[in-house]
Amino acid sequence: MIRILYEGGLRIGEALSLWIEDFDIGSTCIQVRKSKTMSGEGRKVYVSGDTMNVFQDYLIEYHDVFTVCIIDCPF
């Protein structure tokens, strides 16, 4: 999260409102939906390939654990 804030120049509120679908790994850009730009519209920010790789690693680890928990948890 810190890398995305720093490299993309995101405000904390923008970063907290990101969805997985906002990340375009192929073009290393992030679509910021809620932005405080003058037009009030969203914007695209670009980050390094290394940051996207860290994001991919996070997704692989988080979603594997999350999926297993949903499938295996009895509640």
PDB file of N, CA and C in Angstrom:
ATOM      1  N   MET A   1       0.829  -1.188   0.000  1.00  0.00           N
ATOM      2  CA  MET A   1       0.000   0.000   0.000  1.00  0.00           C
ATOM      3  C   MET A   1       0.875   1.253   0.000  1.00  0.00           C
ATOM      4  N   ILE A   2       1.942   1.225   0.768  1.00  0.00           N
ATOM      5  CA  ILE A   2       2.838   2.381   0.846  1.00  0.00           C
ATOM      6  C   ILE A   2       3.454   2.663  -0.520  1.00  0.00           C
ATOM      7  N   ARG A   3       3.861   1.613  -1.214  1.00  0.00           N
ATOM      8  CA  ARG A   3       4.454   1.793  -2.543  1.00  0.00           C
ATOM      9  C   ARG A   3       3.455   2.419  -3.505  1.00  0.00           C
ATOM     10  N   ILE A   4       2.210   1.989  -3.431  1.00  0.00           N
ATOM     11  CA  ILE A   4       1.181   2.530  -4.321  1.00  0.00           C
ATOM     12  C   ILE A   4       0.919   3.992  -3.989  1.00  0.00           C
ATOM     13  N   LEU A   5       0.861   4.311  -2.710  1.00  0.00           N
ATOM     14  CA  LEU A   5       0.667   5.705  -2.302  1.00  0.00           C
ATOM     15  C   LEU A   5       1.811   6.578  -2.816  1.00  0.00           C
ATOM     16  N   TYR A   6       3.025   6.104  -2.632  1.00  0.00           N
ATOM     17  CA  TYR A   6       4.200   6.893  -2.996  1.00  0.00           C
ATOM     18  C   TYR A   6       4.360   7.016  -4.504  1.00  0.00           C
ATOM     19  N   GLU A   7       4.353   5.885  -5.201  1.00  0.00           N
ATOM     20  CA  GLU A   7       4.611   5.909  -6.638  1.00  0.00           C
ATOM     21  C   GLU A   7       3.465   6.535  -7.429  1.00  0.00           C
ATOM     22  N   GLY A   8       2.255   6.266  -7.011  1.00  0.00           N
ATOM     23  CA  GLY A   8       1.109   6.777  -7.745  1.00  0.00           C
ATOM     24  C   GLY A   8       0.663   8.157  -7.326  1.00  0.00           C
ATOM     25  N   GLY A   9       1.192   8.635  -6.210  1.00  0.00           N
ATOM     26  CA  GLY A   9       0.789   9.947  -5.719  1.00  0.00           C
ATOM     27  C   GLY A   9      -0.658   9.967  -5.254  1.00  0.00           C
ATOM     28  N   LEU A  10      -1.129   8.841  -4.732  1.00  0.00           N
ATOM     29  CA  LEU A  10      -2.517   8.749  -4.293  1.00  0.00           C
ATOM     30  C   LEU A  10      -2.701   9.344  -2.914  1.00  0.00           C
ATOM     31  N   ARG A  11      -3.870   9.884  -2.713  1.00  0.00           N
ATOM     32  CA  ARG A  11      -4.265  10.305  -1.373  1.00  0.00           C
ATOM     33  C   ARG A  11      -4.761   9.061  -0.638  1.00  0.00           C
ATOM     34  N   ILE A  12      -4.768   9.099   0.664  1.00  0.00           N
ATOM     35  CA  ILE A  12      -5.129   7.920   1.450  1.00  0.00           C
ATOM     36  C   ILE A  12      -6.563   7.478   1.152  1.00  0.00           C
ATOM     37  N   GLY A  13      -7.473   8.415   1.009  1.00  0.00           N
ATOM     38  CA  GLY A  13      -8.860   8.069   0.699  1.00  0.00           C
ATOM     39  C   GLY A  13      -8.991   7.398  -0.656  1.00  0.00           C
ATOM     40  N   GLU A  14      -8.189   7.845  -1.616  1.00  0.00           N
ATOM     41  CA  GLU A  14      -8.201   7.231  -2.938  1.00  0.00           C
ATOM     42  C   GLU A  14      -7.690   5.798  -2.868  1.00  0.00           C
ATOM     43  N   ALA A  15      -6.614   5.604  -2.127  1.00  0.00           N
ATOM     44  CA  ALA A  15      -6.025   4.265  -2.011  1.00  0.00           C
ATOM     45  C   ALA A  15      -6.971   3.298  -1.298  1.00  0.00           C
ATOM     46  N   LEU A  16      -7.657   3.773  -0.290  1.00  0.00           N
ATOM     47  CA  LEU A  16      -8.565   2.904   0.462  1.00  0.00           C
ATOM     48  C   LEU A  16      -9.819   2.542  -0.331  1.00  0.00           C
ATOM     49  N   SER A  17     -10.128   3.314  -1.363  1.00  0.00           N
ATOM     50  CA  SER A  17     -11.319   3.017  -2.152  1.00  0.00           C
ATOM     51  C   SER A  17     -11.010   2.208  -3.413  1.00  0.00           C
ATOM     52  N   LEU A  18      -9.770   1.744  -3.570  1.00  0.00           N
ATOM     53  CA  LEU A  18      -9.402   0.955  -4.743  1.00  0.00           C
ATOM     54  C   LEU A  18     -10.007  -0.446  -4.677  1.00  0.00           C
ATOM     55  N   TRP A  19     -10.362  -0.975  -5.835  1.00  0.00           N
ATOM     56  CA  TRP A  19     -10.836  -2.334  -5.980  1.00  0.00           C
ATOM     57  C   TRP A  19      -9.806  -3.110  -6.777  1.00  0.00           C
ATOM     58  N   ILE A  20      -9.835  -4.409  -6.696  1.00  0.00           N
ATOM     59  CA  ILE A  20      -8.900  -5.238  -7.462  1.00  0.00           C
ATOM     60  C   ILE A  20      -9.050  -4.950  -8.949  1.00  0.00           C
ATOM     61  N   GLU A  21     -10.255  -4.702  -9.395  1.00  0.00           N
ATOM     62  CA  GLU A  21     -10.514  -4.432 -10.808  1.00  0.00           C
ATOM     63  C   GLU A  21      -9.872  -3.138 -11.292  1.00  0.00           C
ATOM     64  N   ASP A  22      -9.470  -2.273 -10.379  1.00  0.00           N
ATOM     65  CA  ASP A  22      -8.852  -0.999 -10.753  1.00  0.00           C
ATOM     66  C   ASP A  22      -7.396  -1.156 -11.190  1.00  0.00           C
ATOM     67  N   PHE A  23      -6.814  -2.305 -10.938  1.00  0.00           N
ATOM     68  CA  PHE A  23      -5.407  -2.538 -11.263  1.00  0.00           C
ATOM     69  C   PHE A  23      -5.284  -3.199 -12.629  1.00  0.00           C
ATOM     70  N   ASP A  24      -4.531  -2.562 -13.525  1.00  0.00           N
ATOM     71  CA  ASP A  24      -4.242  -3.140 -14.835  1.00  0.00           C
ATOM     72  C   ASP A  24      -2.771  -3.535 -14.832  1.00  0.00           C
ATOM     73  N   ILE A  25      -2.531  -4.806 -14.561  1.00  0.00           N
ATOM     74  CA  ILE A  25      -1.175  -5.294 -14.369  1.00  0.00           C
ATOM     75  C   ILE A  25      -0.366  -5.198 -15.658  1.00  0.00           C
ATOM     76  N   GLY A  26      -0.997  -5.448 -16.792  1.00  0.00           N
ATOM     77  CA  GLY A  26      -0.296  -5.414 -18.071  1.00  0.00           C
ATOM     78  C   GLY A  26       0.283  -4.059 -18.413  1.00  0.00           C
ATOM     79  N   SER A  27      -0.460  -3.011 -18.142  1.00  0.00           N
ATOM     80  CA  SER A  27       0.034  -1.663 -18.450  1.00  0.00           C
ATOM     81  C   SER A  27       0.533  -0.925 -17.214  1.00  0.00           C
ATOM     82  N   THR A  28       0.626  -1.617 -16.098  1.00  0.00           N
ATOM     83  CA  THR A  28       1.087  -1.080 -14.806  1.00  0.00           C
ATOM     84  C   THR A  28       0.412   0.242 -14.440  1.00  0.00           C
ATOM     85  N   CYS A  29      -0.909   0.288 -14.635  1.00  0.00           N
ATOM     86  CA  CYS A  29      -1.640   1.496 -14.236  1.00  0.00           C
ATOM     87  C   CYS A  29      -2.781   1.126 -13.294  1.00  0.00           C
ATOM     88  N   ILE A  30      -3.208   2.122 -12.553  1.00  0.00           N
ATOM     89  CA  ILE A  30      -4.288   1.965 -11.590  1.00  0.00           C
ATOM     90  C   ILE A  30      -5.339   3.019 -11.909  1.00  0.00           C
ATOM     91  N   GLN A  31      -6.587   2.594 -12.006  1.00  0.00           N
ATOM     92  CA  GLN A  31      -7.690   3.517 -12.236  1.00  0.00           C
ATOM     93  C   GLN A  31      -8.205   3.992 -10.885  1.00  0.00           C
ATOM     94  N   VAL A  32      -8.056   5.284 -10.615  1.00  0.00           N
ATOM     95  CA  VAL A  32      -8.543   5.866  -9.366  1.00  0.00           C
ATOM     96  C   VAL A  32      -9.947   6.377  -9.634  1.00  0.00           C
ATOM     97  N   ARG A  33     -10.928   5.773  -8.997  1.00  0.00           N
ATOM     98  CA  ARG A  33     -12.325   6.127  -9.259  1.00  0.00           C
ATOM     99  C   ARG A  33     -12.741   7.401  -8.541  1.00  0.00           C
ATOM    100  N   LYS A  34     -12.449   7.456  -7.273  1.00  0.00           N
ATOM    101  CA  LYS A  34     -12.821   8.626  -6.480  1.00  0.00           C
ATOM    102  C   LYS A  34     -11.594   9.514  -6.353  1.00  0.00           C
ATOM    103  N   SER A  35     -11.595  10.597  -7.102  1.00  0.00           N
ATOM    104  CA  SER A  35     -10.429  11.464  -7.135  1.00  0.00           C
ATOM    105  C   SER A  35     -10.845  12.894  -6.836  1.00  0.00           C
ATOM    106  N   LYS A  36      -9.947  13.632  -6.231  1.00  0.00           N
ATOM    107  CA  LYS A  36     -10.219  15.029  -5.931  1.00  0.00           C
ATOM    108  C   LYS A  36      -9.600  15.933  -6.994  1.00  0.00           C
ATOM    109  N   THR A  37      -9.704  15.532  -8.239  1.00  0.00           N
ATOM    110  CA  THR A  37      -9.205  16.374  -9.318  1.00  0.00           C
ATOM    111  C   THR A  37     -10.177  17.526  -9.529  1.00  0.00           C
ATOM    112  N   MET A  38      -9.745  18.516 -10.280  1.00  0.00           N
ATOM    113  CA  MET A  38     -10.596  19.687 -10.498  1.00  0.00           C
ATOM    114  C   MET A  38     -11.891  19.305 -11.211  1.00  0.00           C
ATOM    115  N   SER A  39     -11.822  18.338 -12.105  1.00  0.00           N
ATOM    116  CA  SER A  39     -13.034  17.926 -12.825  1.00  0.00           C
ATOM    117  C   SER A  39     -13.896  16.982 -11.993  1.00  0.00           C
ATOM    118  N   GLY A  40     -13.329  16.437 -10.913  1.00  0.00           N
ATOM    119  CA  GLY A  40     -14.069  15.526 -10.059  1.00  0.00           C
ATOM    120  C   GLY A  40     -14.160  14.120 -10.614  1.00  0.00           C
ATOM    121  N   GLU A  41     -13.483  13.884 -11.724  1.00  0.00           N
ATOM    122  CA  GLU A  41     -13.532  12.569 -12.348  1.00  0.00           C
ATOM    123  C   GLU A  41     -12.364  11.720 -11.877  1.00  0.00           C
ATOM    124  N   GLY A  42     -12.421  10.447 -12.224  1.00  0.00           N
ATOM    125  CA  GLY A  42     -11.328   9.549 -11.904  1.00  0.00           C
ATOM    126  C   GLY A  42     -10.099   9.855 -12.745  1.00  0.00           C
ATOM    127  N   ARG A  43      -9.031   9.161 -12.433  1.00  0.00           N
ATOM    128  CA  ARG A  43      -7.785   9.359 -13.171  1.00  0.00           C
ATOM    129  C   ARG A  43      -7.008   8.063 -13.181  1.00  0.00           C
ATOM    130  N   LYS A  44      -6.044   7.977 -14.066  1.00  0.00           N
ATOM    131  CA  LYS A  44      -5.158   6.825 -14.129  1.00  0.00           C
ATOM    132  C   LYS A  44      -3.798   7.243 -13.614  1.00  0.00           C
ATOM    133  N   VAL A  45      -3.202   6.384 -12.803  1.00  0.00           N
ATOM    134  CA  VAL A  45      -1.837   6.611 -12.335  1.00  0.00           C
ATOM    135  C   VAL A  45      -0.996   5.395 -12.711  1.00  0.00           C
ATOM    136  N   TYR A  46       0.261   5.632 -12.952  1.00  0.00           N
ATOM    137  CA  TYR A  46       1.161   4.566 -13.360  1.00  0.00           C
ATOM    138  C   TYR A  46       2.171   4.293 -12.260  1.00  0.00           C
ATOM    139  N   VAL A  47       2.446   3.016 -12.042  1.00  0.00           N
ATOM    140  CA  VAL A  47       3.422   2.586 -11.048  1.00  0.00           C
ATOM    141  C   VAL A  47       4.433   1.670 -11.727  1.00  0.00           C
ATOM    142  N   SER A  48       5.493   1.351 -11.028  1.00  0.00           N
ATOM    143  CA  SER A  48       6.551   0.524 -11.614  1.00  0.00           C
ATOM    144  C   SER A  48       6.097  -0.937 -11.741  1.00  0.00           C
ATOM    145  N   GLY A  49       6.798  -1.657 -12.595  1.00  0.00           N
ATOM    146  CA  GLY A  49       6.547  -3.081 -12.750  1.00  0.00           C
ATOM    147  C   GLY A  49       6.814  -3.840 -11.462  1.00  0.00           C
ATOM    148  N   ASP A  50       7.810  -3.389 -10.697  1.00  0.00           N
ATOM    149  CA  ASP A  50       8.118  -4.029  -9.414  1.00  0.00           C
ATOM    150  C   ASP A  50       6.940  -3.913  -8.448  1.00  0.00           C
ATOM    151  N   THR A  51       6.309  -2.759  -8.429  1.00  0.00           N
ATOM    152  CA  THR A  51       5.156  -2.571  -7.548  1.00  0.00           C
ATOM    153  C   THR A  51       4.004  -3.470  -7.967  1.00  0.00           C
ATOM    154  N   MET A  52       3.786  -3.611  -9.261  1.00  0.00           N
ATOM    155  CA  MET A  52       2.732  -4.510  -9.734  1.00  0.00           C
ATOM    156  C   MET A  52       3.064  -5.964  -9.403  1.00  0.00           C
ATOM    157  N   ASN A  53       4.340  -6.321  -9.438  1.00  0.00           N
ATOM    158  CA  ASN A  53       4.738  -7.680  -9.060  1.00  0.00           C
ATOM    159  C   ASN A  53       4.444  -7.940  -7.585  1.00  0.00           C
ATOM    160  N   VAL A  54       4.716  -6.953  -6.743  1.00  0.00           N
ATOM    161  CA  VAL A  54       4.413  -7.087  -5.314  1.00  0.00           C
ATOM    162  C   VAL A  54       2.901  -7.226  -5.133  1.00  0.00           C
ATOM    163  N   PHE A  55       2.136  -6.461  -5.892  1.00  0.00           N
ATOM    164  CA  PHE A  55       0.675  -6.546  -5.831  1.00  0.00           C
ATOM    165  C   PHE A  55       0.190  -7.931  -6.261  1.00  0.00           C
ATOM    166  N   GLN A  56       0.778  -8.466  -7.320  1.00  0.00           N
ATOM    167  CA  GLN A  56       0.414  -9.814  -7.770  1.00  0.00           C
ATOM    168  C   GLN A  56       0.722 -10.857  -6.706  1.00  0.00           C
ATOM    169  N   ASP A  57       1.888 -10.746  -6.093  1.00  0.00           N
ATOM    170  CA  ASP A  57       2.251 -11.677  -5.020  1.00  0.00           C
ATOM    171  C   ASP A  57       1.250 -11.599  -3.872  1.00  0.00           C
ATOM    172  N   TYR A  58       0.860 -10.381  -3.530  1.00  0.00           N
ATOM    173  CA  TYR A  58      -0.134 -10.181  -2.474  1.00  0.00           C
ATOM    174  C   TYR A  58      -1.457 -10.861  -2.846  1.00  0.00           C
ATOM    175  N   LEU A  59      -1.889 -10.669  -4.082  1.00  0.00           N
ATOM    176  CA  LEU A  59      -3.144 -11.280  -4.522  1.00  0.00           C
ATOM    177  C   LEU A  59      -3.094 -12.794  -4.441  1.00  0.00           C
ATOM    178  N   ILE A  60      -1.994 -13.366  -4.885  1.00  0.00           N
ATOM    179  CA  ILE A  60      -1.857 -14.819  -4.866  1.00  0.00           C
ATOM    180  C   ILE A  60      -1.930 -15.348  -3.434  1.00  0.00           C
ATOM    181  N   GLU A  61      -1.207 -14.724  -2.534  1.00  0.00           N
ATOM    182  CA  GLU A  61      -1.211 -15.179  -1.133  1.00  0.00           C
ATOM    183  C   GLU A  61      -2.553 -14.923  -0.467  1.00  0.00           C
ATOM    184  N   TYR A  62      -3.093 -13.725  -0.605  1.00  0.00           N
ATOM    185  CA  TYR A  62      -4.331 -13.361   0.082  1.00  0.00           C
ATOM    186  C   TYR A  62      -5.510 -14.176  -0.418  1.00  0.00           C
ATOM    187  N   HIS A  63      -5.646 -14.290  -1.713  1.00  0.00           N
ATOM    188  CA  HIS A  63      -6.810 -14.988  -2.252  1.00  0.00           C
ATOM    189  C   HIS A  63      -6.738 -16.481  -2.022  1.00  0.00           C
ATOM    190  N   ASP A  64      -5.542 -17.056  -1.979  1.00  0.00           N
ATOM    191  CA  ASP A  64      -5.439 -18.475  -1.649  1.00  0.00           C
ATOM    192  C   ASP A  64      -5.920 -18.725  -0.226  1.00  0.00           C
ATOM    193  N   VAL A  65      -5.483 -17.910   0.704  1.00  0.00           N
ATOM    194  CA  VAL A  65      -5.889 -18.060   2.102  1.00  0.00           C
ATOM    195  C   VAL A  65      -7.370 -17.761   2.246  1.00  0.00           C
ATOM    196  N   PHE A  66      -7.852 -16.699   1.617  1.00  0.00           N
ATOM    197  CA  PHE A  66      -9.254 -16.300   1.717  1.00  0.00           C
ATOM    198  C   PHE A  66     -10.170 -17.368   1.128  1.00  0.00           C
ATOM    199  N   THR A  67      -9.814 -17.907  -0.021  1.00  0.00           N
ATOM    200  CA  THR A  67     -10.628 -18.935  -0.666  1.00  0.00           C
ATOM    201  C   THR A  67     -10.684 -20.198   0.183  1.00  0.00           C
ATOM    202  N   VAL A  68      -9.553 -20.614   0.727  1.00  0.00           N
ATOM    203  CA  VAL A  68      -9.518 -21.803   1.575  1.00  0.00           C
ATOM    204  C   VAL A  68     -10.378 -21.593   2.806  1.00  0.00           C
ATOM    205  N   CYS A  69     -10.330 -20.407   3.399  1.00  0.00           N
ATOM    206  CA  CYS A  69     -11.122 -20.119   4.588  1.00  0.00           C
ATOM    207  C   CYS A  69     -12.610 -20.183   4.277  1.00  0.00           C
ATOM    208  N   ILE A  70     -13.015 -19.621   3.159  1.00  0.00           N
ATOM    209  CA  ILE A  70     -14.439 -19.639   2.810  1.00  0.00           C
ATOM    210  C   ILE A  70     -14.916 -21.067   2.548  1.00  0.00           C
ATOM    211  N   ILE A  71     -14.109 -21.840   1.861  1.00  0.00           N
ATOM    212  CA  ILE A  71     -14.514 -23.204   1.508  1.00  0.00           C
ATOM    213  C   ILE A  71     -14.475 -24.130   2.720  1.00  0.00           C
ATOM    214  N   ASP A  72     -13.453 -24.005   3.558  1.00  0.00           N
ATOM    215  CA  ASP A  72     -13.239 -24.945   4.657  1.00  0.00           C
ATOM    216  C   ASP A  72     -13.868 -24.530   5.992  1.00  0.00           C
ATOM    217  N   CYS A  73     -14.234 -23.272   6.151  1.00  0.00           N
ATOM    218  CA  CYS A  73     -14.800 -22.835   7.425  1.00  0.00           C
ATOM    219  C   CYS A  73     -16.242 -23.315   7.558  1.00  0.00           C
ATOM    220  N   PRO A  74     -16.597 -23.876   8.699  1.00  0.00           N
ATOM    221  CA  PRO A  74     -17.936 -24.448   8.848  1.00  0.00           C
ATOM    222  C   PRO A  74     -19.041 -23.409   9.057  1.00  0.00           C
ATOM    223  N   PHE A  75     -18.716 -22.154   9.283  1.00  0.00           N
ATOM    224  CA  PHE A  75     -19.780 -21.183   9.553  1.00  0.00           C
ATOM    225  C   PHE A  75     -20.318 -20.649   8.315  1.00  0.00           C
TER     226      PHE A  75
END
